[in-house]
Protein backbone atom coordinates (compact mmCIF):
# COMPACT_ATOMS: atom_id res chain seq x y z
CA MET A 1 114.59 113.17 89.70
CA SER A 2 114.52 111.27 86.38
CA ASN A 3 110.80 110.88 85.86
CA MET A 4 110.03 110.06 89.52
CA THR A 5 107.40 111.93 91.42
CA SER A 6 108.40 113.47 94.78
CA VAL A 7 106.33 110.90 96.59
CA GLU A 8 108.10 108.04 94.80
CA VAL A 9 111.50 109.62 95.78
CA ILE A 10 110.55 109.83 99.41
CA GLU A 11 109.00 106.23 99.32
CA LEU A 12 112.35 104.88 97.99
CA LEU A 13 114.18 106.93 100.70
CA TYR A 14 111.89 105.43 103.29
CA GLN A 15 112.65 101.86 101.89
CA LEU A 16 116.31 102.70 102.24
CA GLN A 17 115.85 103.74 105.84
CA GLU A 18 113.98 100.57 106.66
CA ILE A 19 116.82 98.54 105.23
CA GLU A 20 119.53 100.50 107.00
CA LEU A 21 117.79 100.52 110.35
CA GLY A 22 116.70 96.90 110.14
CA GLU A 23 118.19 93.96 111.95
CA ASP A 24 120.07 92.60 109.04
CA ALA A 25 121.48 95.83 107.64
CA ALA A 26 124.93 94.31 107.20
CA SER A 27 123.75 91.21 105.32
CA PRO A 28 124.98 91.05 101.66
CA LYS A 29 121.37 91.01 100.45
CA ASN A 30 120.52 94.14 102.27
CA GLN A 31 123.78 95.87 101.25
CA LYS A 32 122.96 95.12 97.62
CA ALA A 33 119.34 96.45 98.03
CA SER A 34 120.71 99.52 99.69
CA ALA A 35 123.18 100.22 96.95
CA GLU A 36 120.43 99.81 94.32
CA LEU A 37 118.13 102.21 96.07
CA ARG A 38 120.96 104.81 96.53
CA ALA A 39 121.61 104.60 92.79
CA LYS A 40 118.01 105.57 92.05
CA LEU A 41 117.93 108.57 94.42
CA PRO A 42 119.17 112.17 93.57
CA PRO A 43 122.49 112.97 95.28
CA ASN A 44 121.21 116.10 97.07
CA ILE A 45 118.35 114.23 98.58
CA LEU A 46 120.79 111.41 99.74
CA GLY A 47 123.20 114.03 101.16
CA HIS A 48 120.64 115.43 103.48
CA TYR A 49 119.32 112.05 104.37
CA ASP A 50 122.90 110.81 105.28
CA ARG A 51 123.53 113.95 107.40
CA LEU A 52 120.42 113.13 109.43
CA MET A 53 121.31 109.42 109.70
CA LYS A 54 124.91 110.20 110.92
CA ARG A 55 123.45 112.30 113.67
CA GLY A 56 121.42 109.25 114.80
CA LYS A 57 118.15 110.61 113.54
CA LYS A 58 115.66 108.98 111.05
CA GLY A 59 115.74 110.61 107.68
CA VAL A 60 112.07 110.08 106.86
CA SER A 61 109.18 110.53 109.18
CA ILE A 62 105.71 109.06 108.27
CA VAL A 63 102.99 111.55 108.94
CA SER A 64 99.41 110.46 109.40
CA GLY A 65 97.99 113.24 111.62
CA THR A 66 98.87 116.79 112.43
CA ASN A 67 102.27 116.28 114.13
CA CYS A 68 105.68 115.21 113.00
CA PRO A 69 106.05 111.83 114.75
CA GLU A 70 109.77 112.36 115.30
CA CYS A 71 109.92 115.86 116.88
CA HIS A 72 106.26 115.90 117.99
CA MET A 73 105.73 119.45 116.66
CA THR A 74 102.45 120.42 115.01
CA LEU A 75 102.88 120.89 111.30
CA PRO A 76 101.56 124.07 109.76
CA THR A 77 98.31 123.65 107.91
CA GLY A 78 100.02 124.60 104.64
CA THR A 79 102.70 122.04 105.10
CA ARG A 80 100.06 119.33 105.78
CA ALA A 81 98.16 120.34 102.73
CA GLN A 82 101.33 120.32 100.51
CA LEU A 83 102.19 116.92 102.04
CA MET A 84 98.73 115.48 101.19
CA ARG A 85 98.83 116.77 97.68
CA GLY A 86 102.13 114.99 97.09
CA GLU A 87 103.41 117.49 94.64
CA ASP A 88 106.70 118.41 96.22
CA ILE A 89 109.27 117.05 98.70
CA VAL A 90 108.40 118.35 102.19
CA LEU A 91 110.71 118.78 105.12
CA CYS A 92 109.66 119.22 108.79
CA ASP A 93 110.24 122.88 109.68
CA THR A 94 111.44 121.88 113.14
CA CYS A 95 113.62 118.78 112.76
CA ALA A 96 114.35 118.85 108.99
CA ARG A 97 113.32 115.28 108.34
CA TYR A 98 111.70 114.32 105.04
CA LEU A 99 107.92 113.85 105.50
CA LEU A 100 105.93 111.09 103.96
CA TYR A 101 102.22 111.18 104.22
CA ARG A 102 100.24 108.03 104.84
CA PRO A 103 96.68 107.96 106.18
CA ILE A 104 96.25 106.03 109.36
CA ALA A 105 94.30 103.20 107.60
CA GLN A 106 97.16 102.77 105.06
CA GLN A 107 99.76 102.54 107.91
CA ALA A 108 97.59 99.86 109.66
CA VAL A 109 97.49 97.73 106.52
CA LYS A 110 101.29 97.92 106.09
CA ALA A 111 101.92 97.19 109.68
CA ALA A 112 99.63 94.15 109.55
CA ALA A 113 101.48 92.88 106.42
CA LYS A 114 104.82 93.19 108.26
CA ALA A 115 103.59 91.62 111.44
CA LYS A 116 104.01 87.81 111.88
CA PRO A 117 100.79 85.88 111.78
CA ALA A 118 99.73 84.93 115.17
CA ALA A 119 99.66 81.26 116.05
CA LYS A 120 96.26 79.71 115.83
CA LYS A 121 94.51 79.22 119.10
CA THR A 122 93.02 75.97 119.71
CA THR A 123 89.88 76.00 121.69
CA THR A 124 87.92 73.06 122.98
CA ALA A 125 84.20 73.34 123.27
CA LYS A 126 83.03 72.72 126.74
CA THR A 127 79.94 70.66 127.09
CA THR A 128 77.82 71.08 130.10
CA LYS A 129 75.46 68.59 131.29
CA THR A 130 72.11 69.78 132.31
CA THR A 131 70.11 67.59 134.55
CA LYS A 132 66.49 67.79 134.95
CA THR A 133 65.26 67.76 138.46
CA THR A 134 61.98 66.05 139.08
CA SER A 135 59.33 67.86 141.02
CA LYS A 136 59.76 65.42 143.86
CA THR A 137 63.47 66.40 144.46
CA SER A 138 62.62 70.11 143.97
CA LYS A 139 59.96 69.88 146.64
CA LYS A 140 62.35 67.99 149.05
CA LYS A 141 64.92 70.61 148.63
CA ALA A 142 62.33 73.37 149.16
CA GLU A 143 61.15 71.65 152.36
CA LYS A 144 64.73 71.37 153.67
CA SER A 145 65.53 74.97 153.10
CA GLU A 146 62.36 76.06 154.93
CA GLU A 147 63.48 74.22 158.01
């Protein structure tokens, strides 16, 4: 793994997946980025990833809770602990995808960074006119309602 931690390897693999599954995957810019990422990754990791992708499955699944988001199976406690420690490359026991742990808060930040900024809403302040009623008009209204 040439001085890369297991988490860094899976992060690179996830970046590769994002490029390959993106809208402009065939663009020259993305093809170049994909080739650069592939050059950094170990061949055995890429081989497993490519087999999953050829079957139409994602190669990397981001875990933030207790389940694999792709196959929806509950991950064993030991697997989740190993994933959180980030000391080794972890595969889902059920679907064989690479697992990448990201807490929910971290996922929300990354999603917000990717999202396009919303158009600013222009609001106009409504002004309401309040009129004071004199005691004479109040009395007249009260008299009419009694009739």
